[in-house]
Protein backbone atom coordinates (compact mmCIF):
# COMPACT_ATOMS: atom_id res chain seq x y z
CA UNK A 1 0.00 0.00 0.00
CA UNK A 2 2.87 2.43 0.50
CA UNK A 3 2.91 3.65 -3.09
CA UNK A 4 2.69 7.34 -3.83
CA UNK A 5 -0.04 6.94 -6.40
CA UNK A 6 2.07 8.33 -9.22
CA UNK A 7 1.60 6.23 -12.31
CA UNK A 8 -1.67 4.92 -10.89
CA UNK A 9 -4.72 5.46 -13.04
CA UNK A 10 -7.01 8.10 -11.45
CA UNK A 11 -9.94 5.68 -11.48
CA UNK A 12 -7.93 3.15 -9.46
CA UNK A 13 -7.20 5.83 -6.88
CA UNK A 14 -10.86 6.82 -6.79
CA UNK A 15 -11.95 3.22 -6.23
CA UNK A 16 -9.38 2.89 -3.44
CA UNK A 17 -10.82 5.98 -1.77
CA UNK A 18 -14.30 4.49 -2.09
CA UNK A 19 -13.10 1.22 -0.53
CA UNK A 20 -11.43 3.09 2.34
CA UNK A 21 -14.61 5.06 3.00
CA UNK A 22 -16.57 1.81 3.11
CA UNK A 23 -14.05 0.38 5.60
CA UNK A 24 -14.24 3.53 7.72
CA UNK A 25 -18.03 3.25 7.74
CA UNK A 26 -17.89 -0.39 8.86
CA UNK A 27 -15.48 0.49 11.70
CA UNK A 28 -17.56 3.53 12.68
CA UNK A 29 -20.67 1.37 13.06
CA UNK A 30 -18.89 -0.44 15.90
CA UNK A 31 -17.34 2.66 17.51
CA UNK A 32 -18.53 4.27 20.72
CA UNK A 33 -19.68 7.68 19.51
CA UNK A 34 -19.37 9.12 23.02
CA UNK A 35 -15.61 8.59 22.79
CA UNK A 36 -15.28 10.19 19.37
CA UNK A 37 -14.13 13.70 18.49
CA UNK A 38 -17.32 14.79 16.74
CA UNK A 39 -15.96 18.04 15.24
CA UNK A 40 -13.15 16.12 13.56
CA UNK A 41 -15.74 14.17 11.60
CA UNK A 42 -17.11 17.46 10.31
CA UNK A 43 -13.67 18.57 9.15
CA UNK A 44 -13.03 15.18 7.53
CA UNK A 45 -16.39 15.11 5.77
CA UNK A 46 -15.93 18.67 4.55
CA UNK A 47 -12.47 17.93 3.13
CA UNK A 48 -13.61 14.69 1.43
CA UNK A 49 -16.59 16.43 -0.17
CA UNK A 50 -14.40 19.36 -1.21
CA UNK A 51 -11.91 17.00 -2.86
CA UNK A 52 -14.73 15.22 -4.66
CA UNK A 53 -15.94 18.63 -5.85
CA UNK A 54 -12.45 19.39 -7.18
CA UNK A 55 -12.52 16.13 -9.14
CA UNK A 56 -15.95 16.96 -10.57
CA UNK A 57 -14.71 20.42 -11.58
CA UNK A 58 -11.67 18.91 -13.27
CA UNK A 59 -13.81 16.43 -15.18
CA UNK A 60 -16.16 19.20 -16.26
CA UNK A 61 -13.24 21.28 -17.55
CA UNK A 62 -11.85 18.33 -19.45
CA UNK A 63 -15.19 17.39 -20.98
CA UNK A 64 -15.78 21.02 -21.94
CA UNK A 65 -12.45 21.06 -23.80
CA UNK A 66 -13.44 18.21 -26.12
CA UNK A 67 -13.03 19.12 -29.76
CA UNK A 68 -16.73 19.01 -30.56
CA UNK A 69 -16.24 19.28 -34.31
CA UNK A 70 -13.87 16.33 -34.42
CA UNK A 71 -16.16 14.39 -32.14
CA UNK A 72 -19.09 15.20 -34.37
CA UNK A 73 -17.25 13.91 -37.44
CA UNK A 74 -16.32 10.66 -35.70
CA UNK A 75 -19.51 10.15 -33.72
CA UNK A 76 -21.82 7.25 -34.28
CA UNK A 77 -24.68 9.10 -32.63
CA UNK A 78 -26.89 11.71 -34.23
CA UNK A 79 -26.27 14.48 -31.71
CA UNK A 80 -22.81 14.31 -30.09
CA UNK A 81 -22.95 17.99 -29.16
CA UNK A 82 -25.97 17.27 -27.00
CA UNK A 83 -24.21 14.31 -25.39
CA UNK A 84 -21.32 16.52 -24.28
CA UNK A 85 -23.64 19.30 -23.20
CA UNK A 86 -25.74 16.88 -21.16
CA UNK A 87 -22.63 15.40 -19.54
CA UNK A 88 -21.53 18.91 -18.56
CA UNK A 89 -25.01 19.69 -17.30
CA UNK A 90 -24.98 16.66 -14.99
CA UNK A 91 -21.48 17.46 -13.75
CA UNK A 92 -22.72 20.97 -12.99
CA UNK A 93 -25.69 19.55 -11.06
CA UNK A 94 -23.32 17.29 -9.14
CA UNK A 95 -21.02 20.19 -8.29
CA UNK A 96 -23.95 22.24 -6.98
CA UNK A 97 -25.07 19.28 -4.87
CA UNK A 98 -21.55 18.90 -3.49
CA UNK A 99 -21.45 22.62 -2.65
CA UNK A 100 -24.65 22.14 -0.63
CA UNK A 101 -23.12 19.06 1.01
CA UNK A 102 -20.03 21.07 1.98
CA UNK A 103 -22.24 23.68 3.64
CA UNK A 104 -24.12 20.90 5.44
CA UNK A 105 -20.82 19.42 6.65
CA UNK A 106 -19.77 22.86 7.91
CA UNK A 107 -23.09 23.20 9.74
CA UNK A 108 -22.64 19.77 11.30
CA UNK A 109 -19.09 20.65 12.35
CA UNK A 110 -20.18 23.87 14.06
CA UNK A 111 -22.96 22.09 15.96
CA UNK A 112 -20.63 19.20 16.84
CA UNK A 113 -18.11 21.69 18.24
CA UNK A 114 -20.87 23.07 20.48
CA UNK A 115 -21.75 19.57 21.68
CA UNK A 116 -18.08 18.72 22.16
CA UNK A 117 -17.49 21.83 24.26
CA UNK A 118 -20.59 21.21 26.40
CA UNK A 119 -19.62 17.59 27.04
CA UNK A 120 -16.08 18.62 27.90
CA UNK A 121 -17.36 21.30 30.31
CA UNK A 122 -19.68 18.77 31.98
CA UNK A 123 -16.88 16.22 32.38
CA UNK A 124 -14.77 18.90 34.13
CA UNK A 125 -17.61 19.60 36.54
CA UNK A 126 -18.06 23.15 35.24
CA UNK A 127 -21.34 24.84 34.54
CA UNK A 128 -22.04 27.23 31.76
CA UNK A 129 -23.79 30.38 32.87
C-alpha atoms as a PDB file:
ATOM      1  CA  UNK A   1       0.000   0.000   0.000  1.00  0.00           C
ATOM      2  CA  UNK A   2       2.869   2.427   0.504  1.00  0.00           C
ATOM      3  CA  UNK A   3       2.907   3.648  -3.090  1.00  0.00           C
ATOM      4  CA  UNK A   4       2.694   7.338  -3.827  1.00  0.00           C
ATOM      5  CA  UNK A   5      -0.039   6.935  -6.401  1.00  0.00           C
ATOM      6  CA  UNK A   6       2.070   8.328  -9.218  1.00  0.00           C
ATOM      7  CA  UNK A   7       1.598   6.229 -12.310  1.00  0.00           C
ATOM      8  CA  UNK A   8      -1.665   4.921 -10.888  1.00  0.00           C
ATOM      9  CA  UNK A   9      -4.724   5.463 -13.038  1.00  0.00           C
ATOM     10  CA  UNK A  10      -7.009   8.095 -11.454  1.00  0.00           C
ATOM     11  CA  UNK A  11      -9.940   5.676 -11.480  1.00  0.00           C
ATOM     12  CA  UNK A  12      -7.933   3.153  -9.464  1.00  0.00           C
ATOM     13  CA  UNK A  13      -7.196   5.835  -6.884  1.00  0.00           C
ATOM     14  CA  UNK A  14     -10.862   6.822  -6.790  1.00  0.00           C
ATOM     15  CA  UNK A  15     -11.951   3.219  -6.228  1.00  0.00           C
ATOM     16  CA  UNK A  16      -9.380   2.887  -3.442  1.00  0.00           C
ATOM     17  CA  UNK A  17     -10.820   5.982  -1.771  1.00  0.00           C
ATOM     18  CA  UNK A  18     -14.300   4.485  -2.086  1.00  0.00           C
ATOM     19  CA  UNK A  19     -13.098   1.219  -0.526  1.00  0.00           C
ATOM     20  CA  UNK A  20     -11.426   3.086   2.343  1.00  0.00           C
ATOM     21  CA  UNK A  21     -14.614   5.063   2.998  1.00  0.00           C
ATOM     22  CA  UNK A  22     -16.571   1.812   3.109  1.00  0.00           C
ATOM     23  CA  UNK A  23     -14.049   0.378   5.600  1.00  0.00           C
ATOM     24  CA  UNK A  24     -14.242   3.530   7.718  1.00  0.00           C
ATOM     25  CA  UNK A  25     -18.033   3.249   7.738  1.00  0.00           C
ATOM     26  CA  UNK A  26     -17.888  -0.385   8.858  1.00  0.00           C
ATOM     27  CA  UNK A  27     -15.483   0.489  11.704  1.00  0.00           C
ATOM     28  CA  UNK A  28     -17.556   3.535  12.678  1.00  0.00           C
ATOM     29  CA  UNK A  29     -20.667   1.368  13.063  1.00  0.00           C
ATOM     30  CA  UNK A  30     -18.887  -0.441  15.905  1.00  0.00           C
ATOM     31  CA  UNK A  31     -17.342   2.661  17.508  1.00  0.00           C
ATOM     32  CA  UNK A  32     -18.530   4.271  20.721  1.00  0.00           C
ATOM     33  CA  UNK A  33     -19.677   7.676  19.512  1.00  0.00           C
ATOM     34  CA  UNK A  34     -19.366   9.123  23.019  1.00  0.00           C
ATOM     35  CA  UNK A  35     -15.612   8.585  22.791  1.00  0.00           C
ATOM     36  CA  UNK A  36     -15.277  10.191  19.373  1.00  0.00           C
ATOM     37  CA  UNK A  37     -14.126  13.702  18.489  1.00  0.00           C
ATOM     38  CA  UNK A  38     -17.318  14.791  16.735  1.00  0.00           C
ATOM     39  CA  UNK A  39     -15.962  18.044  15.240  1.00  0.00           C
ATOM     40  CA  UNK A  40     -13.154  16.117  13.558  1.00  0.00           C
ATOM     41  CA  UNK A  41     -15.744  14.172  11.602  1.00  0.00           C
ATOM     42  CA  UNK A  42     -17.110  17.461  10.309  1.00  0.00           C
ATOM     43  CA  UNK A  43     -13.674  18.569   9.152  1.00  0.00           C
ATOM     44  CA  UNK A  44     -13.030  15.177   7.534  1.00  0.00           C
ATOM     45  CA  UNK A  45     -16.389  15.112   5.766  1.00  0.00           C
ATOM     46  CA  UNK A  46     -15.929  18.666   4.553  1.00  0.00           C
ATOM     47  CA  UNK A  47     -12.473  17.933   3.126  1.00  0.00           C
ATOM     48  CA  UNK A  48     -13.606  14.693   1.432  1.00  0.00           C
ATOM     49  CA  UNK A  49     -16.587  16.428  -0.166  1.00  0.00           C
ATOM     50  CA  UNK A  50     -14.400  19.359  -1.211  1.00  0.00           C
ATOM     51  CA  UNK A  51     -11.910  17.001  -2.858  1.00  0.00           C
ATOM     52  CA  UNK A  52     -14.728  15.220  -4.658  1.00  0.00           C
ATOM     53  CA  UNK A  53     -15.938  18.634  -5.853  1.00  0.00           C
ATOM     54  CA  UNK A  54     -12.451  19.389  -7.177  1.00  0.00           C
ATOM     55  CA  UNK A  55     -12.522  16.130  -9.138  1.00  0.00           C
ATOM     56  CA  UNK A  56     -15.955  16.957 -10.568  1.00  0.00           C
ATOM     57  CA  UNK A  57     -14.713  20.421 -11.581  1.00  0.00           C
ATOM     58  CA  UNK A  58     -11.666  18.913 -13.268  1.00  0.00           C
ATOM     59  CA  UNK A  59     -13.810  16.429 -15.177  1.00  0.00           C
ATOM     60  CA  UNK A  60     -16.162  19.204 -16.263  1.00  0.00           C
ATOM     61  CA  UNK A  61     -13.238  21.282 -17.553  1.00  0.00           C
ATOM     62  CA  UNK A  62     -11.846  18.326 -19.446  1.00  0.00           C
ATOM     63  CA  UNK A  63     -15.194  17.389 -20.978  1.00  0.00           C
ATOM     64  CA  UNK A  64     -15.781  21.022 -21.939  1.00  0.00           C
ATOM     65  CA  UNK A  65     -12.452  21.061 -23.796  1.00  0.00           C
ATOM     66  CA  UNK A  66     -13.440  18.211 -26.121  1.00  0.00           C
ATOM     67  CA  UNK A  67     -13.032  19.118 -29.759  1.00  0.00           C
ATOM     68  CA  UNK A  68     -16.734  19.012 -30.559  1.00  0.00           C
ATOM     69  CA  UNK A  69     -16.244  19.284 -34.308  1.00  0.00           C
ATOM     70  CA  UNK A  70     -13.871  16.330 -34.417  1.00  0.00           C
ATOM     71  CA  UNK A  71     -16.162  14.387 -32.144  1.00  0.00           C
ATOM     72  CA  UNK A  72     -19.090  15.202 -34.375  1.00  0.00           C
ATOM     73  CA  UNK A  73     -17.254  13.909 -37.438  1.00  0.00           C
ATOM     74  CA  UNK A  74     -16.315  10.665 -35.696  1.00  0.00           C
ATOM     75  CA  UNK A  75     -19.508  10.150 -33.721  1.00  0.00           C
ATOM     76  CA  UNK A  76     -21.817   7.254 -34.278  1.00  0.00           C
ATOM     77  CA  UNK A  77     -24.679   9.099 -32.633  1.00  0.00           C
ATOM     78  CA  UNK A  78     -26.892  11.707 -34.226  1.00  0.00           C
ATOM     79  CA  UNK A  79     -26.273  14.482 -31.706  1.00  0.00           C
ATOM     80  CA  UNK A  80     -22.814  14.310 -30.092  1.00  0.00           C
ATOM     81  CA  UNK A  81     -22.951  17.995 -29.159  1.00  0.00           C
ATOM     82  CA  UNK A  82     -25.970  17.270 -27.004  1.00  0.00           C
ATOM     83  CA  UNK A  83     -24.211  14.308 -25.393  1.00  0.00           C
ATOM     84  CA  UNK A  84     -21.320  16.521 -24.277  1.00  0.00           C
ATOM     85  CA  UNK A  85     -23.643  19.304 -23.202  1.00  0.00           C
ATOM     86  CA  UNK A  86     -25.739  16.876 -21.161  1.00  0.00           C
ATOM     87  CA  UNK A  87     -22.635  15.404 -19.541  1.00  0.00           C
ATOM     88  CA  UNK A  88     -21.533  18.909 -18.562  1.00  0.00           C
ATOM     89  CA  UNK A  89     -25.008  19.690 -17.299  1.00  0.00           C
ATOM     90  CA  UNK A  90     -24.977  16.661 -14.993  1.00  0.00           C
ATOM     91  CA  UNK A  91     -21.480  17.461 -13.753  1.00  0.00           C
ATOM     92  CA  UNK A  92     -22.720  20.974 -12.993  1.00  0.00           C
ATOM     93  CA  UNK A  93     -25.691  19.548 -11.056  1.00  0.00           C
ATOM     94  CA  UNK A  94     -23.323  17.294  -9.140  1.00  0.00           C
ATOM     95  CA  UNK A  95     -21.016  20.188  -8.290  1.00  0.00           C
ATOM     96  CA  UNK A  96     -23.950  22.240  -6.979  1.00  0.00           C
ATOM     97  CA  UNK A  97     -25.074  19.277  -4.869  1.00  0.00           C
ATOM     98  CA  UNK A  98     -21.553  18.902  -3.490  1.00  0.00           C
ATOM     99  CA  UNK A  99     -21.454  22.617  -2.651  1.00  0.00           C
ATOM    100  CA  UNK A 100     -24.648  22.142  -0.634  1.00  0.00           C
ATOM    101  CA  UNK A 101     -23.115  19.062   1.010  1.00  0.00           C
ATOM    102  CA  UNK A 102     -20.026  21.074   1.980  1.00  0.00           C
ATOM    103  CA  UNK A 103     -22.245  23.682   3.640  1.00  0.00           C
ATOM    104  CA  UNK A 104     -24.119  20.898   5.443  1.00  0.00           C
ATOM    105  CA  UNK A 105     -20.816  19.416   6.645  1.00  0.00           C
ATOM    106  CA  UNK A 106     -19.772  22.856   7.912  1.00  0.00           C
ATOM    107  CA  UNK A 107     -23.088  23.199   9.736  1.00  0.00           C
ATOM    108  CA  UNK A 108     -22.640  19.772  11.299  1.00  0.00           C
ATOM    109  CA  UNK A 109     -19.090  20.646  12.353  1.00  0.00           C
ATOM    110  CA  UNK A 110     -20.180  23.872  14.064  1.00  0.00           C
ATOM    111  CA  UNK A 111     -22.961  22.085  15.961  1.00  0.00           C
ATOM    112  CA  UNK A 112     -20.627  19.197  16.836  1.00  0.00           C
ATOM    113  CA  UNK A 113     -18.115  21.688  18.238  1.00  0.00           C
ATOM    114  CA  UNK A 114     -20.867  23.072  20.480  1.00  0.00           C
ATOM    115  CA  UNK A 115     -21.753  19.572  21.679  1.00  0.00           C
ATOM    116  CA  UNK A 116     -18.083  18.718  22.163  1.00  0.00           C
ATOM    117  CA  UNK A 117     -17.490  21.829  24.263  1.00  0.00           C
ATOM    118  CA  UNK A 118     -20.595  21.207  26.403  1.00  0.00           C
ATOM    119  CA  UNK A 119     -19.625  17.594  27.038  1.00  0.00           C
ATOM    120  CA  UNK A 120     -16.075  18.618  27.902  1.00  0.00           C
ATOM    121  CA  UNK A 121     -17.362  21.303  30.307  1.00  0.00           C
ATOM    122  CA  UNK A 122     -19.681  18.766  31.984  1.00  0.00           C
ATOM    123  CA  UNK A 123     -16.882  16.224  32.384  1.00  0.00           C
ATOM    124  CA  UNK A 124     -14.773  18.901  34.126  1.00  0.00           C
ATOM    125  CA  UNK A 125     -17.608  19.604  36.541  1.00  0.00           C
ATOM    126  CA  UNK A 126     -18.061  23.149  35.237  1.00  0.00           C
ATOM    127  CA  UNK A 127     -21.338  24.844  34.544  1.00  0.00           C
ATOM    128  CA  UNK A 128     -22.042  27.226  31.762  1.00  0.00           C
ATOM    129  CA  UNK A 129     -23.789  30.382  32.866  1.00  0.00           C
END
